[in-house]
Amino acid sequence: MKKIVLAAVIAAFAAPAFANDEATPEQIARIDEALAAMTCEVDSDNIEVEDDGSFDLDDVICADGQYDVKLNADFTEKERRKE
């Protein structure tokens, strides 16, 4: 019984640590600005906030194709992978 309770407590505290938060409206606006400068756009449903404050953007549509893009916490491009 103690093992079950301990496992439940660990799971309850561990889950939030691994969950990605949703971007705030202000962050989405800054991401949209950064992408517009790159001639790209993304649906806000495809934005994930990483634990380190950076952003993982899936299915970003750019003038030359579709990409997965990572932005640093300061909204600068960290990585771009063509899909």
N, C-alpha and C. Protein backbone atom coordinates (compact mmCIF):
# COMPACT_ATOMS: atom_id res chain seq x y z
N MET A 1 0.82 -1.20 0.00
CA MET A 1 0.00 0.00 0.00
C MET A 1 0.86 1.26 0.00
N LYS A 2 1.94 1.24 0.80
CA LYS A 2 2.81 2.41 0.86
C LYS A 2 3.45 2.69 -0.50
N LYS A 3 3.78 1.63 -1.23
CA LYS A 3 4.40 1.81 -2.54
C LYS A 3 3.44 2.46 -3.52
N ILE A 4 2.16 2.10 -3.44
CA ILE A 4 1.15 2.68 -4.33
C ILE A 4 0.98 4.17 -4.03
N VAL A 5 0.90 4.52 -2.77
CA VAL A 5 0.75 5.91 -2.37
C VAL A 5 1.98 6.71 -2.79
N LEU A 6 3.16 6.15 -2.56
CA LEU A 6 4.40 6.83 -2.94
C LEU A 6 4.46 7.04 -4.45
N ALA A 7 4.08 6.05 -5.21
CA ALA A 7 4.08 6.17 -6.67
C ALA A 7 3.09 7.25 -7.12
N ALA A 8 1.94 7.32 -6.49
CA ALA A 8 0.94 8.33 -6.84
C ALA A 8 1.45 9.74 -6.53
N VAL A 9 2.11 9.90 -5.40
CA VAL A 9 2.65 11.20 -5.01
C VAL A 9 3.75 11.62 -5.99
N ILE A 10 4.63 10.70 -6.33
CA ILE A 10 5.71 11.01 -7.28
C ILE A 10 5.12 11.38 -8.63
N ALA A 11 4.14 10.65 -9.10
CA ALA A 11 3.51 10.93 -10.40
C ALA A 11 2.83 12.29 -10.39
N ALA A 12 2.21 12.64 -9.28
CA ALA A 12 1.50 13.93 -9.20
C ALA A 12 2.47 15.10 -9.29
N PHE A 13 3.65 14.96 -8.69
CA PHE A 13 4.62 16.04 -8.72
C PHE A 13 5.46 16.03 -9.99
N ALA A 14 5.67 14.89 -10.59
CA ALA A 14 6.51 14.79 -11.78
C ALA A 14 5.78 15.27 -13.02
N ALA A 15 4.48 15.07 -13.13
CA ALA A 15 3.73 15.42 -14.33
C ALA A 15 3.86 16.89 -14.70
N PRO A 16 3.70 17.84 -13.77
CA PRO A 16 3.83 19.23 -14.17
C PRO A 16 5.23 19.60 -14.65
N ALA A 17 6.25 18.91 -14.16
CA ALA A 17 7.61 19.22 -14.56
C ALA A 17 7.86 18.90 -16.02
N PHE A 18 7.14 17.93 -16.55
CA PHE A 18 7.35 17.53 -17.93
C PHE A 18 6.33 18.15 -18.89
N ALA A 19 5.34 18.81 -18.38
CA ALA A 19 4.29 19.37 -19.23
C ALA A 19 4.77 20.67 -19.87
N ASN A 20 4.46 20.84 -21.14
CA ASN A 20 4.76 22.09 -21.82
C ASN A 20 3.60 23.04 -21.61
N ASP A 21 3.93 24.26 -21.29
CA ASP A 21 2.90 25.27 -21.07
C ASP A 21 2.46 25.84 -22.42
N GLU A 22 1.26 26.36 -22.44
CA GLU A 22 0.78 27.05 -23.63
C GLU A 22 1.35 28.46 -23.64
N ALA A 23 1.56 28.98 -24.82
CA ALA A 23 2.08 30.34 -24.95
C ALA A 23 1.00 31.34 -24.57
N THR A 24 1.41 32.43 -23.96
CA THR A 24 0.49 33.50 -23.60
C THR A 24 0.15 34.31 -24.85
N PRO A 25 -0.92 35.09 -24.82
CA PRO A 25 -1.23 35.94 -25.98
C PRO A 25 -0.08 36.88 -26.34
N GLU A 26 0.62 37.40 -25.33
CA GLU A 26 1.75 38.29 -25.59
C GLU A 26 2.88 37.53 -26.29
N GLN A 27 3.16 36.30 -25.85
CA GLN A 27 4.19 35.50 -26.49
C GLN A 27 3.81 35.16 -27.93
N ILE A 28 2.55 34.83 -28.15
CA ILE A 28 2.07 34.52 -29.50
C ILE A 28 2.26 35.73 -30.42
N ALA A 29 1.96 36.91 -29.92
CA ALA A 29 2.13 38.12 -30.71
C ALA A 29 3.60 38.33 -31.07
N ARG A 30 4.50 38.10 -30.12
CA ARG A 30 5.95 38.25 -30.38
C ARG A 30 6.42 37.19 -31.36
N ILE A 31 5.91 35.98 -31.24
CA ILE A 31 6.27 34.91 -32.18
C ILE A 31 5.78 35.27 -33.57
N ASP A 32 4.55 35.75 -33.68
CA ASP A 32 4.02 36.16 -34.98
C ASP A 32 4.88 37.25 -35.62
N GLU A 33 5.35 38.21 -34.81
CA GLU A 33 6.22 39.27 -35.32
C GLU A 33 7.53 38.70 -35.83
N ALA A 34 8.12 37.80 -35.05
CA ALA A 34 9.40 37.19 -35.45
C ALA A 34 9.24 36.39 -36.74
N LEU A 35 8.14 35.65 -36.84
CA LEU A 35 7.91 34.84 -38.04
C LEU A 35 7.61 35.73 -39.25
N ALA A 36 6.89 36.81 -39.06
CA ALA A 36 6.58 37.71 -40.16
C ALA A 36 7.87 38.27 -40.76
N ALA A 37 8.85 38.54 -39.92
CA ALA A 37 10.14 39.02 -40.41
C ALA A 37 10.86 37.96 -41.24
N MET A 38 10.51 36.69 -41.01
CA MET A 38 11.10 35.59 -41.77
C MET A 38 10.20 35.17 -42.93
N THR A 39 9.12 35.90 -43.16
CA THR A 39 8.10 35.58 -44.18
C THR A 39 7.48 34.23 -43.90
N CYS A 40 7.11 34.03 -42.64
CA CYS A 40 6.52 32.76 -42.19
C CYS A 40 5.32 33.05 -41.29
N GLU A 41 4.52 32.00 -41.05
CA GLU A 41 3.41 32.09 -40.10
C GLU A 41 3.14 30.71 -39.53
N VAL A 42 2.50 30.70 -38.36
CA VAL A 42 2.18 29.45 -37.68
C VAL A 42 0.83 29.59 -36.99
N ASP A 43 0.11 28.50 -36.92
CA ASP A 43 -1.14 28.45 -36.14
C ASP A 43 -0.75 28.40 -34.66
N SER A 44 -1.39 29.19 -33.83
CA SER A 44 -1.03 29.25 -32.41
C SER A 44 -1.20 27.90 -31.71
N ASP A 45 -2.01 27.00 -32.27
CA ASP A 45 -2.14 25.66 -31.68
C ASP A 45 -0.87 24.84 -31.85
N ASN A 46 0.03 25.27 -32.73
CA ASN A 46 1.27 24.54 -33.01
C ASN A 46 2.48 25.14 -32.30
N ILE A 47 2.23 25.91 -31.24
CA ILE A 47 3.30 26.53 -30.46
C ILE A 47 3.37 25.84 -29.11
N GLU A 48 4.58 25.37 -28.76
CA GLU A 48 4.80 24.78 -27.45
C GLU A 48 5.90 25.56 -26.74
N VAL A 49 5.69 25.85 -25.46
CA VAL A 49 6.69 26.51 -24.65
C VAL A 49 7.50 25.41 -23.95
N GLU A 50 8.80 25.43 -24.16
CA GLU A 50 9.68 24.43 -23.56
C GLU A 50 10.04 24.84 -22.13
N ASP A 51 10.59 23.90 -21.38
CA ASP A 51 10.95 24.15 -19.98
C ASP A 51 11.96 25.28 -19.81
N ASP A 52 12.82 25.48 -20.80
CA ASP A 52 13.84 26.52 -20.70
C ASP A 52 13.35 27.88 -21.20
N GLY A 53 12.05 27.98 -21.55
CA GLY A 53 11.48 29.24 -22.02
C GLY A 53 11.55 29.43 -23.52
N SER A 54 12.16 28.49 -24.23
CA SER A 54 12.21 28.59 -25.69
C SER A 54 10.89 28.08 -26.26
N PHE A 55 10.74 28.18 -27.57
CA PHE A 55 9.49 27.82 -28.22
C PHE A 55 9.73 26.82 -29.33
N ASP A 56 8.89 25.79 -29.39
CA ASP A 56 8.94 24.78 -30.44
C ASP A 56 7.70 24.99 -31.31
N LEU A 57 7.92 25.33 -32.57
CA LEU A 57 6.84 25.65 -33.49
C LEU A 57 6.76 24.56 -34.56
N ASP A 58 5.62 23.91 -34.65
CA ASP A 58 5.41 22.85 -35.64
C ASP A 58 4.61 23.39 -36.81
N ASP A 59 4.90 22.85 -37.99
CA ASP A 59 4.14 23.18 -39.21
C ASP A 59 4.12 24.68 -39.51
N VAL A 60 5.29 25.29 -39.45
CA VAL A 60 5.43 26.70 -39.79
C VAL A 60 5.43 26.82 -41.32
N ILE A 61 4.58 27.67 -41.85
CA ILE A 61 4.49 27.86 -43.29
C ILE A 61 5.30 29.11 -43.66
N CYS A 62 6.29 28.90 -44.54
CA CYS A 62 7.15 29.99 -45.01
C CYS A 62 7.00 30.11 -46.52
N ALA A 63 7.55 31.17 -47.06
CA ALA A 63 7.45 31.41 -48.49
C ALA A 63 8.05 30.27 -49.31
N ASP A 64 9.06 29.58 -48.75
CA ASP A 64 9.73 28.52 -49.48
C ASP A 64 9.42 27.11 -48.98
N GLY A 65 8.38 26.96 -48.17
CA GLY A 65 7.99 25.62 -47.72
C GLY A 65 7.55 25.57 -46.28
N GLN A 66 7.42 24.34 -45.77
CA GLN A 66 6.96 24.11 -44.40
C GLN A 66 8.12 23.63 -43.54
N TYR A 67 8.17 24.16 -42.31
CA TYR A 67 9.29 23.89 -41.40
C TYR A 67 8.80 23.61 -39.99
N ASP A 68 9.69 23.00 -39.21
CA ASP A 68 9.60 23.01 -37.75
C ASP A 68 10.66 24.01 -37.31
N VAL A 69 10.27 24.94 -36.45
CA VAL A 69 11.18 26.02 -36.05
C VAL A 69 11.27 26.05 -34.54
N LYS A 70 12.47 26.32 -34.05
CA LYS A 70 12.66 26.56 -32.62
C LYS A 70 13.13 28.00 -32.46
N LEU A 71 12.50 28.69 -31.52
CA LEU A 71 12.89 30.06 -31.19
C LEU A 71 13.45 30.08 -29.78
N ASN A 72 14.48 30.88 -29.55
CA ASN A 72 15.00 31.09 -28.20
C ASN A 72 13.97 31.86 -27.38
N ALA A 73 14.21 31.96 -26.10
CA ALA A 73 13.30 32.69 -25.21
C ALA A 73 13.20 34.16 -25.58
N ASP A 74 14.20 34.68 -26.30
CA ASP A 74 14.16 36.08 -26.73
C ASP A 74 13.58 36.22 -28.15
N PHE A 75 12.92 35.15 -28.63
CA PHE A 75 12.19 35.13 -29.91
C PHE A 75 13.11 35.20 -31.13
N THR A 76 14.37 34.82 -30.97
CA THR A 76 15.28 34.71 -32.11
C THR A 76 15.33 33.26 -32.57
N GLU A 77 15.59 33.07 -33.85
CA GLU A 77 15.59 31.72 -34.41
C GLU A 77 16.77 30.92 -33.88
N LYS A 78 16.46 29.73 -33.41
CA LYS A 78 17.47 28.82 -32.87
C LYS A 78 17.74 27.69 -33.86
N GLU A 79 16.67 27.23 -34.53
CA GLU A 79 16.79 26.09 -35.43
C GLU A 79 15.62 26.10 -36.40
N ARG A 80 15.86 25.60 -37.61
CA ARG A 80 14.79 25.47 -38.61
C ARG A 80 15.04 24.18 -39.38
N ARG A 81 14.02 23.29 -39.41
CA ARG A 81 14.13 22.03 -40.13
C ARG A 81 13.00 21.94 -41.16
N LYS A 82 13.35 21.71 -42.40
CA LYS A 82 12.35 21.58 -43.45
C LYS A 82 11.61 20.26 -43.28
N GLU A 83 10.29 20.30 -43.48
CA GLU A 83 9.50 19.08 -43.37
C GLU A 83 9.34 18.45 -44.73
